[in-house]
Amino acid sequence: MKKKNDIRLAVYLFKDKIANCYVAYCPSLNLCGYDKTQQAAQKDFQYVLDEYLKEQISNGTLAEDLVQHGWTVNSDEVTAPSFQAMYRAKGSQLRDLLTDESVNYRRYNIPCPAIQ
């Protein structure tokens, strides 16, 4: 398995003009958090991520759910799907986000120690 600090999640932060709020979106888990400010959206995303991990670990379904999201999970390693795979996937929300010229986004990475 990878060390705890080896797994980092890419999160895209952008303003949703229709809902008039900021969204923090993680395509490799298809999770998002949102709120009225960038900082609050990031905090909400962290809450959503923590709850997702608690639930999956509690149910013993984390590995299965990661595989459904395109991750590779085996006894030696856990690997997130590649950017290219997420971008090219049918109905890719990541592609929609990155190709929408009206959306300004920034990408940041967060550690994910619970996935090991």
PDB file of N, CA and C in Angstrom:
ATOM      1  N   MET A   1       0.837  -1.188   0.000  1.00  0.00           N
ATOM      2  CA  MET A   1       0.000   0.000   0.000  1.00  0.00           C
ATOM      3  C   MET A   1       0.884   1.256   0.000  1.00  0.00           C
ATOM      4  N   LYS A   2       0.363   2.300  -0.566  1.00  0.00           N
ATOM      5  CA  LYS A   2       1.102   3.552  -0.529  1.00  0.00           C
ATOM      6  C   LYS A   2       1.087   4.110   0.882  1.00  0.00           C
ATOM      7  N   LYS A   3       2.109   4.878   1.194  1.00  0.00           N
ATOM      8  CA  LYS A   3       2.154   5.530   2.497  1.00  0.00           C
ATOM      9  C   LYS A   3       1.046   6.573   2.582  1.00  0.00           C
ATOM     10  N   LYS A   4       0.641   6.881   3.792  1.00  0.00           N
ATOM     11  CA  LYS A   4      -0.464   7.827   3.989  1.00  0.00           C
ATOM     12  C   LYS A   4      -0.259   9.135   3.227  1.00  0.00           C
ATOM     13  N   ASN A   5       0.940   9.671   3.261  1.00  0.00           N
ATOM     14  CA  ASN A   5       1.179  10.965   2.639  1.00  0.00           C
ATOM     15  C   ASN A   5       1.294  10.896   1.119  1.00  0.00           C
ATOM     16  N   ASP A   6       1.288   9.695   0.556  1.00  0.00           N
ATOM     17  CA  ASP A   6       1.446   9.552  -0.884  1.00  0.00           C
ATOM     18  C   ASP A   6       0.165   9.842  -1.665  1.00  0.00           C
ATOM     19  N   ILE A   7      -0.983   9.698  -1.033  1.00  0.00           N
ATOM     20  CA  ILE A   7      -2.241   9.889  -1.758  1.00  0.00           C
ATOM     21  C   ILE A   7      -2.743  11.309  -1.541  1.00  0.00           C
ATOM     22  N   ARG A   8      -2.820  12.019  -2.660  1.00  0.00           N
ATOM     23  CA  ARG A   8      -3.314  13.389  -2.639  1.00  0.00           C
ATOM     24  C   ARG A   8      -4.447  13.481  -3.641  1.00  0.00           C
ATOM     25  N   LEU A   9      -5.489  14.172  -3.256  1.00  0.00           N
ATOM     26  CA  LEU A   9      -6.658  14.336  -4.112  1.00  0.00           C
ATOM     27  C   LEU A   9      -6.631  15.704  -4.779  1.00  0.00           C
ATOM     28  N   ALA A  10      -6.859  15.724  -6.077  1.00  0.00           N
ATOM     29  CA  ALA A  10      -6.984  16.986  -6.801  1.00  0.00           C
ATOM     30  C   ALA A  10      -8.408  17.494  -6.611  1.00  0.00           C
ATOM     31  N   VAL A  11      -8.509  18.747  -6.199  1.00  0.00           N
ATOM     32  CA  VAL A  11      -9.807  19.379  -5.984  1.00  0.00           C
ATOM     33  C   VAL A  11      -9.835  20.665  -6.807  1.00  0.00           C
ATOM     34  N   TYR A  12     -10.931  20.874  -7.513  1.00  0.00           N
ATOM     35  CA  TYR A  12     -11.103  22.064  -8.340  1.00  0.00           C
ATOM     36  C   TYR A  12     -12.088  22.997  -7.653  1.00  0.00           C
ATOM     37  N   LEU A  13     -11.682  24.234  -7.472  1.00  0.00           N
ATOM     38  CA  LEU A  13     -12.502  25.235  -6.801  1.00  0.00           C
ATOM     39  C   LEU A  13     -12.955  26.259  -7.836  1.00  0.00           C
ATOM     40  N   PHE A  14     -14.264  26.481  -7.913  1.00  0.00           N
ATOM     41  CA  PHE A  14     -14.793  27.422  -8.889  1.00  0.00           C
ATOM     42  C   PHE A  14     -16.087  28.027  -8.369  1.00  0.00           C
ATOM     43  N   LYS A  15     -16.500  29.108  -9.007  1.00  0.00           N
ATOM     44  CA  LYS A  15     -17.756  29.753  -8.637  1.00  0.00           C
ATOM     45  C   LYS A  15     -18.853  29.292  -9.582  1.00  0.00           C
ATOM     46  N   ASP A  16     -19.915  28.764  -9.024  1.00  0.00           N
ATOM     47  CA  ASP A  16     -21.090  28.378  -9.798  1.00  0.00           C
ATOM     48  C   ASP A  16     -21.948  29.630  -9.927  1.00  0.00           C
ATOM     49  N   LYS A  17     -22.028  30.142 -11.124  1.00  0.00           N
ATOM     50  CA  LYS A  17     -22.736  31.407 -11.340  1.00  0.00           C
ATOM     51  C   LYS A  17     -24.243  31.268 -11.194  1.00  0.00           C
ATOM     52  N   ILE A  18     -24.768  30.108 -11.506  1.00  0.00           N
ATOM     53  CA  ILE A  18     -26.214  29.910 -11.401  1.00  0.00           C
ATOM     54  C   ILE A  18     -26.642  29.847  -9.935  1.00  0.00           C
ATOM     55  N   ALA A  19     -25.924  29.053  -9.139  1.00  0.00           N
ATOM     56  CA  ALA A  19     -26.262  28.913  -7.721  1.00  0.00           C
ATOM     57  C   ALA A  19     -25.652  30.020  -6.869  1.00  0.00           C
ATOM     58  N   ASN A  20     -24.774  30.820  -7.474  1.00  0.00           N
ATOM     59  CA  ASN A  20     -24.101  31.907  -6.782  1.00  0.00           C
ATOM     60  C   ASN A  20     -23.379  31.426  -5.512  1.00  0.00           C
ATOM     61  N   CYS A  21     -22.591  30.379  -5.694  1.00  0.00           N
ATOM     62  CA  CYS A  21     -21.796  29.862  -4.582  1.00  0.00           C
ATOM     63  C   CYS A  21     -20.503  29.277  -5.139  1.00  0.00           C
ATOM     64  N   TYR A  22     -19.551  29.027  -4.255  1.00  0.00           N
ATOM     65  CA  TYR A  22     -18.301  28.376  -4.640  1.00  0.00           C
ATOM     66  C   TYR A  22     -18.451  26.876  -4.461  1.00  0.00           C
ATOM     67  N   VAL A  23     -17.807  26.146  -5.360  1.00  0.00           N
ATOM     68  CA  VAL A  23     -17.860  24.687  -5.342  1.00  0.00           C
ATOM     69  C   VAL A  23     -16.431  24.153  -5.313  1.00  0.00           C
ATOM     70  N   ALA A  24     -16.181  23.195  -4.427  1.00  0.00           N
ATOM     71  CA  ALA A  24     -14.926  22.458  -4.399  1.00  0.00           C
ATOM     72  C   ALA A  24     -15.262  21.045  -4.860  1.00  0.00           C
ATOM     73  N   TYR A  25     -14.702  20.642  -6.011  1.00  0.00           N
ATOM     74  CA  TYR A  25     -15.081  19.383  -6.660  1.00  0.00           C
ATOM     75  C   TYR A  25     -13.875  18.472  -6.831  1.00  0.00           C
ATOM     76  N   CYS A  26     -14.009  17.224  -6.406  1.00  0.00           N
ATOM     77  CA  CYS A  26     -12.962  16.213  -6.537  1.00  0.00           C
ATOM     78  C   CYS A  26     -13.427  15.165  -7.545  1.00  0.00           C
ATOM     79  N   PRO A  27     -12.918  15.204  -8.779  1.00  0.00           N
ATOM     80  CA  PRO A  27     -13.402  14.277  -9.800  1.00  0.00           C
ATOM     81  C   PRO A  27     -13.053  12.810  -9.533  1.00  0.00           C
ATOM     82  N   SER A  28     -11.965  12.534  -8.836  1.00  0.00           N
ATOM     83  CA  SER A  28     -11.584  11.133  -8.632  1.00  0.00           C
ATOM     84  C   SER A  28     -12.500  10.401  -7.653  1.00  0.00           C
ATOM     85  N   LEU A  29     -13.273  11.159  -6.873  1.00  0.00           N
ATOM     86  CA  LEU A  29     -14.263  10.555  -5.973  1.00  0.00           C
ATOM     87  C   LEU A  29     -15.680  11.024  -6.288  1.00  0.00           C
ATOM     88  N   ASN A  30     -15.799  11.966  -7.214  1.00  0.00           N
ATOM     89  CA  ASN A  30     -17.072  12.575  -7.573  1.00  0.00           C
ATOM     90  C   ASN A  30     -17.779  13.138  -6.335  1.00  0.00           C
ATOM     91  N   LEU A  31     -17.008  13.865  -5.541  1.00  0.00           N
ATOM     92  CA  LEU A  31     -17.535  14.522  -4.342  1.00  0.00           C
ATOM     93  C   LEU A  31     -17.366  16.020  -4.484  1.00  0.00           C
ATOM     94  N   CYS A  32     -18.272  16.768  -3.863  1.00  0.00           N
ATOM     95  CA  CYS A  32     -18.112  18.215  -3.859  1.00  0.00           C
ATOM     96  C   CYS A  32     -18.651  18.804  -2.566  1.00  0.00           C
ATOM     97  N   GLY A  33     -18.149  19.979  -2.262  1.00  0.00           N
ATOM     98  CA  GLY A  33     -18.651  20.788  -1.167  1.00  0.00           C
ATOM     99  C   GLY A  33     -18.925  22.168  -1.736  1.00  0.00           C
ATOM    100  N   TYR A  34     -19.791  22.899  -1.091  1.00  0.00           N
ATOM    101  CA  TYR A  34     -20.096  24.226  -1.612  1.00  0.00           C
ATOM    102  C   TYR A  34     -20.497  25.163  -0.480  1.00  0.00           C
ATOM    103  N   ASP A  35     -20.319  26.451  -0.734  1.00  0.00           N
ATOM    104  CA  ASP A  35     -20.737  27.471   0.221  1.00  0.00           C
ATOM    105  C   ASP A  35     -20.544  28.837  -0.430  1.00  0.00           C
ATOM    106  N   LYS A  36     -20.817  29.893   0.318  1.00  0.00           N
ATOM    107  CA  LYS A  36     -20.795  31.243  -0.230  1.00  0.00           C
ATOM    108  C   LYS A  36     -19.397  31.813  -0.433  1.00  0.00           C
ATOM    109  N   THR A  37     -18.382  31.291   0.275  1.00  0.00           N
ATOM    110  CA  THR A  37     -17.008  31.763   0.097  1.00  0.00           C
ATOM    111  C   THR A  37     -16.115  30.583  -0.301  1.00  0.00           C
ATOM    112  N   GLN A  38     -14.958  30.913  -0.847  1.00  0.00           N
ATOM    113  CA  GLN A  38     -14.016  29.867  -1.240  1.00  0.00           C
ATOM    114  C   GLN A  38     -13.590  29.036  -0.028  1.00  0.00           C
ATOM    115  N   GLN A  39     -13.251  29.720   1.052  1.00  0.00           N
ATOM    116  CA  GLN A  39     -12.790  29.018   2.254  1.00  0.00           C
ATOM    117  C   GLN A  39     -13.889  28.119   2.824  1.00  0.00           C
ATOM    118  N   ALA A  40     -15.110  28.607   2.833  1.00  0.00           N
ATOM    119  CA  ALA A  40     -16.223  27.806   3.360  1.00  0.00           C
ATOM    120  C   ALA A  40     -16.506  26.607   2.460  1.00  0.00           C
ATOM    121  N   ALA A  41     -16.357  26.775   1.142  1.00  0.00           N
ATOM    122  CA  ALA A  41     -16.551  25.649   0.220  1.00  0.00           C
ATOM    123  C   ALA A  41     -15.478  24.590   0.445  1.00  0.00           C
ATOM    124  N   GLN A  42     -14.242  25.023   0.672  1.00  0.00           N
ATOM    125  CA  GLN A  42     -13.162  24.075   0.949  1.00  0.00           C
ATOM    126  C   GLN A  42     -13.420  23.345   2.271  1.00  0.00           C
ATOM    127  N   LYS A  43     -13.888  24.060   3.256  1.00  0.00           N
ATOM    128  CA  LYS A  43     -14.205  23.447   4.543  1.00  0.00           C
ATOM    129  C   LYS A  43     -15.358  22.450   4.394  1.00  0.00           C
ATOM    130  N   ASP A  44     -16.369  22.821   3.624  1.00  0.00           N
ATOM    131  CA  ASP A  44     -17.493  21.923   3.400  1.00  0.00           C
ATOM    132  C   ASP A  44     -17.028  20.674   2.648  1.00  0.00           C
ATOM    133  N   PHE A  45     -16.139  20.856   1.669  1.00  0.00           N
ATOM    134  CA  PHE A  45     -15.623  19.687   0.961  1.00  0.00           C
ATOM    135  C   PHE A  45     -14.894  18.748   1.927  1.00  0.00           C
ATOM    136  N   GLN A  46     -14.097  19.307   2.801  1.00  0.00           N
ATOM    137  CA  GLN A  46     -13.371  18.464   3.767  1.00  0.00           C
ATOM    138  C   GLN A  46     -14.352  17.678   4.637  1.00  0.00           C
ATOM    139  N   TYR A  47     -15.434  18.319   5.037  1.00  0.00           N
ATOM    140  CA  TYR A  47     -16.472  17.639   5.818  1.00  0.00           C
ATOM    141  C   TYR A  47     -17.089  16.494   5.005  1.00  0.00           C
ATOM    142  N   VAL A  48     -17.444  16.773   3.752  1.00  0.00           N
ATOM    143  CA  VAL A  48     -18.039  15.748   2.881  1.00  0.00           C
ATOM    144  C   VAL A  48     -17.065  14.580   2.700  1.00  0.00           C
ATOM    145  N   LEU A  49     -15.795  14.896   2.465  1.00  0.00           N
ATOM    146  CA  LEU A  49     -14.786  13.851   2.296  1.00  0.00           C
ATOM    147  C   LEU A  49     -14.653  13.005   3.562  1.00  0.00           C
ATOM    148  N   ASP A  50     -14.577  13.654   4.701  1.00  0.00           N
ATOM    149  CA  ASP A  50     -14.451  12.924   5.972  1.00  0.00           C
ATOM    150  C   ASP A  50     -15.647  12.009   6.197  1.00  0.00           C
ATOM    151  N   GLU A  51     -16.856  12.497   5.924  1.00  0.00           N
ATOM    152  CA  GLU A  51     -18.059  11.684   6.107  1.00  0.00           C
ATOM    153  C   GLU A  51     -18.097  10.521   5.114  1.00  0.00           C
ATOM    154  N   TYR A  52     -17.701  10.788   3.884  1.00  0.00           N
ATOM    155  CA  TYR A  52     -17.634   9.725   2.878  1.00  0.00           C
ATOM    156  C   TYR A  52     -16.691   8.615   3.350  1.00  0.00           C
ATOM    157  N   LEU A  53     -15.504   8.999   3.791  1.00  0.00           N
ATOM    158  CA  LEU A  53     -14.520   8.003   4.225  1.00  0.00           C
ATOM    159  C   LEU A  53     -15.001   7.235   5.457  1.00  0.00           C
ATOM    160  N   LYS A  54     -15.573   7.955   6.420  1.00  0.00           N
ATOM    161  CA  LYS A  54     -16.096   7.274   7.619  1.00  0.00           C
ATOM    162  C   LYS A  54     -17.142   6.231   7.234  1.00  0.00           C
ATOM    163  N   GLU A  55     -18.065   6.621   6.372  1.00  0.00           N
ATOM    164  CA  GLU A  55     -19.147   5.728   5.959  1.00  0.00           C
ATOM    165  C   GLU A  55     -18.608   4.515   5.207  1.00  0.00           C
ATOM    166  N   GLN A  56     -17.726   4.756   4.248  1.00  0.00           N
ATOM    167  CA  GLN A  56     -17.186   3.655   3.447  1.00  0.00           C
ATOM    168  C   GLN A  56     -16.350   2.702   4.310  1.00  0.00           C
ATOM    169  N   ILE A  57     -15.546   3.253   5.184  1.00  0.00           N
ATOM    170  CA  ILE A  57     -14.713   2.413   6.053  1.00  0.00           C
ATOM    171  C   ILE A  57     -15.590   1.640   7.025  1.00  0.00           C
ATOM    172  N   SER A  58     -16.577   2.312   7.605  1.00  0.00           N
ATOM    173  CA  SER A  58     -17.491   1.669   8.548  1.00  0.00           C
ATOM    174  C   SER A  58     -18.231   0.496   7.901  1.00  0.00           C
ATOM    175  N   ASN A  59     -18.636   0.672   6.643  1.00  0.00           N
ATOM    176  CA  ASN A  59     -19.375  -0.370   5.925  1.00  0.00           C
ATOM    177  C   ASN A  59     -18.460  -1.408   5.274  1.00  0.00           C
ATOM    178  N   GLY A  60     -17.153  -1.166   5.300  1.00  0.00           N
ATOM    179  CA  GLY A  60     -16.224  -2.082   4.655  1.00  0.00           C
ATOM    180  C   GLY A  60     -16.313  -2.052   3.139  1.00  0.00           C
ATOM    181  N   THR A  61     -16.733  -0.907   2.583  1.00  0.00           N
ATOM    182  CA  THR A  61     -16.956  -0.810   1.138  1.00  0.00           C
ATOM    183  C   THR A  61     -16.031   0.191   0.439  1.00  0.00           C
ATOM    184  N   LEU A  62     -15.007   0.682   1.135  1.00  0.00           N
ATOM    185  CA  LEU A  62     -14.149   1.710   0.550  1.00  0.00           C
ATOM    186  C   LEU A  62     -13.460   1.215  -0.717  1.00  0.00           C
ATOM    187  N   ALA A  63     -12.823   0.051  -0.668  1.00  0.00           N
ATOM    188  CA  ALA A  63     -12.107  -0.454  -1.847  1.00  0.00           C
ATOM    189  C   ALA A  63     -13.063  -0.632  -3.027  1.00  0.00           C
ATOM    190  N   GLU A  64     -14.228  -1.182  -2.772  1.00  0.00           N
ATOM    191  CA  GLU A  64     -15.213  -1.396  -3.835  1.00  0.00           C
ATOM    192  C   GLU A  64     -15.657  -0.067  -4.449  1.00  0.00           C
ATOM    193  N   ASP A  65     -15.900   0.931  -3.602  1.00  0.00           N
ATOM    194  CA  ASP A  65     -16.337   2.228  -4.102  1.00  0.00           C
ATOM    195  C   ASP A  65     -15.223   2.914  -4.886  1.00  0.00           C
ATOM    196  N   LEU A  66     -13.994   2.804  -4.416  1.00  0.00           N
ATOM    197  CA  LEU A  66     -12.875   3.392  -5.151  1.00  0.00           C
ATOM    198  C   LEU A  66     -12.768   2.772  -6.543  1.00  0.00           C
ATOM    199  N   VAL A  67     -12.895   1.464  -6.637  1.00  0.00           N
ATOM    200  CA  VAL A  67     -12.838   0.781  -7.936  1.00  0.00           C
ATOM    201  C   VAL A  67     -13.959   1.287  -8.839  1.00  0.00           C
ATOM    202  N   GLN A  68     -15.148   1.497  -8.291  1.00  0.00           N
ATOM    203  CA  GLN A  68     -16.263   2.017  -9.095  1.00  0.00           C
ATOM    204  C   GLN A  68     -15.976   3.419  -9.616  1.00  0.00           C
ATOM    205  N   HIS A  69     -15.103   4.144  -8.916  1.00  0.00           N
ATOM    206  CA  HIS A  69     -14.713   5.485  -9.363  1.00  0.00           C
ATOM    207  C   HIS A  69     -13.453   5.459 -10.228  1.00  0.00           C
ATOM    208  N   GLY A  70     -13.007   4.274 -10.635  1.00  0.00           N
ATOM    209  CA  GLY A  70     -11.872   4.172 -11.545  1.00  0.00           C
ATOM    210  C   GLY A  70     -10.519   4.007 -10.885  1.00  0.00           C
ATOM    211  N   TRP A  71     -10.489   3.836  -9.568  1.00  0.00           N
ATOM    212  CA  TRP A  71      -9.233   3.638  -8.862  1.00  0.00           C
ATOM    213  C   TRP A  71      -8.750   2.206  -9.071  1.00  0.00           C
ATOM    214  N   THR A  72      -7.449   2.004  -8.924  1.00  0.00           N
ATOM    215  CA  THR A  72      -6.867   0.673  -8.903  1.00  0.00           C
ATOM    216  C   THR A  72      -6.539   0.355  -7.457  1.00  0.00           C
ATOM    217  N   VAL A  73      -7.090  -0.739  -6.965  1.00  0.00           N
ATOM    218  CA  VAL A  73      -6.888  -1.128  -5.566  1.00  0.00           C
ATOM    219  C   VAL A  73      -6.415  -2.572  -5.551  1.00  0.00           C
ATOM    220  N   ASN A  74      -5.222  -2.777  -5.000  1.00  0.00           N
ATOM    221  CA  ASN A  74      -4.751  -4.139  -4.781  1.00  0.00           C
ATOM    222  C   ASN A  74      -4.009  -4.184  -3.460  1.00  0.00           C
ATOM    223  N   SER A  75      -3.472  -5.308  -3.115  1.00  0.00           N
ATOM    224  CA  SER A  75      -2.866  -5.465  -1.789  1.00  0.00           C
ATOM    225  C   SER A  75      -1.613  -4.604  -1.599  1.00  0.00           C
ATOM    226  N   ASP A  76      -0.985  -4.192  -2.688  1.00  0.00           N
ATOM    227  CA  ASP A  76       0.249  -3.418  -2.577  1.00  0.00           C
ATOM    228  C   ASP A  76       0.081  -1.920  -2.772  1.00  0.00           C
ATOM    229  N   GLU A  77      -1.009  -1.513  -3.428  1.00  0.00           N
ATOM    230  CA  GLU A  77      -1.094  -0.112  -3.823  1.00  0.00           C
ATOM    231  C   GLU A  77      -2.533   0.326  -4.076  1.00  0.00           C
ATOM    232  N   VAL A  78      -2.771   1.596  -3.829  1.00  0.00           N
ATOM    233  CA  VAL A  78      -4.037   2.245  -4.165  1.00  0.00           C
ATOM    234  C   VAL A  78      -3.681   3.421  -5.070  1.00  0.00           C
ATOM    235  N   THR A  79      -4.279   3.447  -6.265  1.00  0.00           N
ATOM    236  CA  THR A  79      -3.929   4.476  -7.234  1.00  0.00           C
ATOM    237  C   THR A  79      -5.193   5.128  -7.776  1.00  0.00           C
ATOM    238  N   ALA A  80      -5.211   6.452  -7.759  1.00  0.00           N
ATOM    239  CA  ALA A  80      -6.348   7.204  -8.300  1.00  0.00           C
ATOM    240  C   ALA A  80      -6.360   7.094  -9.820  1.00  0.00           C
ATOM    241  N   PRO A  81      -7.515   7.273 -10.424  1.00  0.00           N
ATOM    242  CA  PRO A  81      -7.568   7.268 -11.888  1.00  0.00           C
ATOM    243  C   PRO A  81      -6.747   8.431 -12.440  1.00  0.00           C
ATOM    244  N   SER A  82      -6.210   8.252 -13.625  1.00  0.00           N
ATOM    245  CA  SER A  82      -5.405   9.306 -14.232  1.00  0.00           C
ATOM    246  C   SER A  82      -6.288  10.475 -14.658  1.00  0.00           C
ATOM    247  N   PHE A  83      -5.665  11.619 -14.787  1.00  0.00           N
ATOM    248  CA  PHE A  83      -6.364  12.806 -15.272  1.00  0.00           C
ATOM    249  C   PHE A  83      -6.989  12.507 -16.633  1.00  0.00           C
ATOM    250  N   GLN A  84      -6.225  11.860 -17.516  1.00  0.00           N
ATOM    251  CA  GLN A  84      -6.708  11.559 -18.853  1.00  0.00           C
ATOM    252  C   GLN A  84      -7.950  10.663 -18.805  1.00  0.00           C
ATOM    253  N   ALA A  85      -7.928   9.659 -17.942  1.00  0.00           N
ATOM    254  CA  ALA A  85      -9.088   8.755 -17.848  1.00  0.00           C
ATOM    255  C   ALA A  85     -10.317   9.506 -17.362  1.00  0.00           C
ATOM    256  N   MET A  86     -10.148  10.365 -16.369  1.00  0.00           N
ATOM    257  CA  MET A  86     -11.290  11.132 -15.857  1.00  0.00           C
ATOM    258  C   MET A  86     -11.793  12.127 -16.894  1.00  0.00           C
ATOM    259  N   TYR A  87     -10.873  12.741 -17.633  1.00  0.00           N
ATOM    260  CA  TYR A  87     -11.229  13.734 -18.642  1.00  0.00           C
ATOM    261  C   TYR A  87     -11.966  13.095 -19.811  1.00  0.00           C
ATOM    262  N   ARG A  88     -11.530  11.905 -20.210  1.00  0.00           N
ATOM    263  CA  ARG A  88     -12.101  11.237 -21.386  1.00  0.00           C
ATOM    264  C   ARG A  88     -13.351  10.412 -21.081  1.00  0.00           C
ATOM    265  N   ALA A  89     -13.664  10.221 -19.820  1.00  0.00           N
ATOM    266  CA  ALA A  89     -14.810   9.377 -19.451  1.00  0.00           C
ATOM    267  C   ALA A  89     -16.113   9.948 -20.014  1.00  0.00           C
ATOM    268  N   LYS A  90     -17.012   9.048 -20.356  1.00  0.00           N
ATOM    269  CA  LYS A  90     -18.324   9.458 -20.865  1.00  0.00           C
ATOM    270  C   LYS A  90     -19.025  10.301 -19.801  1.00  0.00           C
ATOM    271  N   GLY A  91     -19.556  11.445 -20.206  1.00  0.00           N
ATOM    272  CA  GLY A  91     -20.257  12.325 -19.275  1.00  0.00           C
ATOM    273  C   GLY A  91     -19.340  12.983 -18.260  1.00  0.00           C
ATOM    274  N   SER A  92     -18.074  13.183 -18.612  1.00  0.00           N
ATOM    275  CA  SER A  92     -17.080  13.714 -17.685  1.00  0.00           C
ATOM    276  C   SER A  92     -17.416  15.120 -17.191  1.00  0.00           C
ATOM    277  N   GLN A  93     -17.660  15.233 -15.895  1.00  0.00           N
ATOM    278  CA  GLN A  93     -17.880  16.551 -15.303  1.00  0.00           C
ATOM    279  C   GLN A  93     -16.582  17.351 -15.281  1.00  0.00           C
ATOM    280  N   LEU A  94     -15.456  16.654 -15.164  1.00  0.00           N
ATOM    281  CA  LEU A  94     -14.160  17.334 -15.200  1.00  0.00           C
ATOM    282  C   LEU A  94     -13.964  18.003 -16.561  1.00  0.00           C
ATOM    283  N   ARG A  95     -14.234  17.292 -17.634  1.00  0.00           N
ATOM    284  CA  ARG A  95     -14.098  17.871 -18.980  1.00  0.00           C
ATOM    285  C   ARG A  95     -15.032  19.067 -19.135  1.00  0.00           C
ATOM    286  N   ASP A  96     -16.265  18.925 -18.659  1.00  0.00           N
ATOM    287  CA  ASP A  96     -17.218  20.038 -18.746  1.00  0.00           C
ATOM    288  C   ASP A  96     -16.677  21.268 -18.016  1.00  0.00           C
ATOM    289  N   LEU A  97     -16.122  21.049 -16.839  1.00  0.00           N
ATOM    290  CA  LEU A  97     -15.585  22.158 -16.045  1.00  0.00           C
ATOM    291  C   LEU A  97     -14.407  22.824 -16.751  1.00  0.00           C
ATOM    292  N   LEU A  98     -13.477  22.013 -17.238  1.00  0.00           N
ATOM    293  CA  LEU A  98     -12.255  22.564 -17.819  1.00  0.00           C
ATOM    294  C   LEU A  98     -12.448  23.188 -19.187  1.00  0.00           C
ATOM    295  N   THR A  99     -13.498  22.796 -19.893  1.00  0.00           N
ATOM    296  CA  THR A  99     -13.715  23.344 -21.234  1.00  0.00           C
ATOM    297  C   THR A  99     -14.741  24.476 -21.259  1.00  0.00           C
ATOM    298  N   ASP A 100     -15.353  24.770 -20.127  1.00  0.00           N
ATOM    299  CA  ASP A 100     -16.313  25.874 -20.058  1.00  0.00           C
ATOM    300  C   ASP A 100     -15.521  27.165 -19.856  1.00  0.00           C
ATOM    301  N   GLU A 101     -15.440  27.967 -20.902  1.00  0.00           N
ATOM    302  CA  GLU A 101     -14.631  29.186 -20.851  1.00  0.00           C
ATOM    303  C   GLU A 101     -15.166  30.224 -19.870  1.00  0.00           C
ATOM    304  N   SER A 102     -16.399  30.070 -19.453  1.00  0.00           N
ATOM    305  CA  SER A 102     -16.968  31.038 -18.521  1.00  0.00           C
ATOM    306  C   SER A 102     -16.629  30.701 -17.063  1.00  0.00           C
ATOM    307  N   VAL A 103     -16.021  29.554 -16.846  1.00  0.00           N
ATOM    308  CA  VAL A 103     -15.706  29.131 -15.479  1.00  0.00           C
ATOM    309  C   VAL A 103     -14.232  29.374 -15.178  1.00  0.00           C
ATOM    310  N   ASN A 104     -13.983  30.139 -14.146  1.00  0.00           N
ATOM    311  CA  ASN A 104     -12.623  30.316 -13.646  1.00  0.00           C
ATOM    312  C   ASN A 104     -12.445  29.367 -12.478  1.00  0.00           C
ATOM    313  N   TYR A 105     -11.429  28.546 -12.533  1.00  0.00           N
ATOM    314  CA  TYR A 105     -11.209  27.575 -11.474  1.00  0.00           C
ATOM    315  C   TYR A 105      -9.749  27.605 -11.052  1.00  0.00           C
ATOM    316  N   ARG A 106      -9.508  27.052  -9.893  1.00  0.00           N
ATOM    317  CA  ARG A 106      -8.135  26.797  -9.489  1.00  0.00           C
ATOM    318  C   ARG A 106      -8.104  25.411  -8.888  1.00  0.00           C
ATOM    319  N   ARG A 107      -6.997  24.749  -9.093  1.00  0.00           N
ATOM    320  CA  ARG A 107      -6.834  23.386  -8.603  1.00  0.00           C
ATOM    321  C   ARG A 107      -5.934  23.417  -7.373  1.00  0.00           C
ATOM    322  N   TYR A 108      -6.301  22.628  -6.379  1.00  0.00           N
ATOM    323  CA  TYR A 108      -5.431  22.451  -5.233  1.00  0.00           C
ATOM    324  C   TYR A 108      -5.449  20.983  -4.848  1.00  0.00           C
ATOM    325  N   ASN A 109      -4.455  20.535  -4.123  1.00  0.00           N
ATOM    326  CA  ASN A 109      -4.351  19.148  -3.704  1.00  0.00           C
ATOM    327  C   ASN A 109      -4.468  19.043  -2.203  1.00  0.00           C
ATOM    328  N   ILE A 110      -5.109  17.977  -1.739  1.00  0.00           N
ATOM    329  CA  ILE A 110      -5.192  17.736  -0.311  1.00  0.00           C
ATOM    330  C   ILE A 110      -4.751  16.307  -0.028  1.00  0.00           C
ATOM    331  N   PRO A 111      -4.134  16.087   1.109  1.00  0.00           N
ATOM    332  CA  PRO A 111      -3.754  14.715   1.473  1.00  0.00           C
ATOM    333  C   PRO A 111      -4.991  13.913   1.850  1.00  0.00           C
ATOM    334  N   CYS A 112      -4.924  12.633   1.615  1.00  0.00           N
ATOM    335  CA  CYS A 112      -6.038  11.746   1.960  1.00  0.00           C
ATOM    336  C   CYS A 112      -5.500  10.526   2.683  1.00  0.00           C
ATOM    337  N   PRO A 113      -5.172  10.680   3.963  1.00  0.00           N
ATOM    338  CA  PRO A 113      -4.551   9.582   4.695  1.00  0.00           C
ATOM    339  C   PRO A 113      -5.446   8.380   4.952  1.00  0.00           C
ATOM    340  N   ALA A 114      -6.759   8.533   4.880  1.00  0.00           N
ATOM    341  CA  ALA A 114      -7.647   7.414   5.180  1.00  0.00           C
ATOM    342  C   ALA A 114      -7.667   6.361   4.079  1.00  0.00           C
ATOM    343  N   ILE A 115      -7.247   6.747   2.876  1.00  0.00           N
ATOM    344  CA  ILE A 115      -7.176   5.783   1.775  1.00  0.00           C
ATOM    345  C   ILE A 115      -5.768   5.210   1.789  1.00  0.00           C
ATOM    346  N   GLN A 116      -5.660   3.995   2.254  1.00  0.00           N
ATOM    347  CA  GLN A 116      -4.338   3.349   2.328  1.00  0.00           C
ATOM    348  C   GLN A 116      -4.451   1.870   2.153  1.00  0.00           C
TER     349      GLN A 116
END
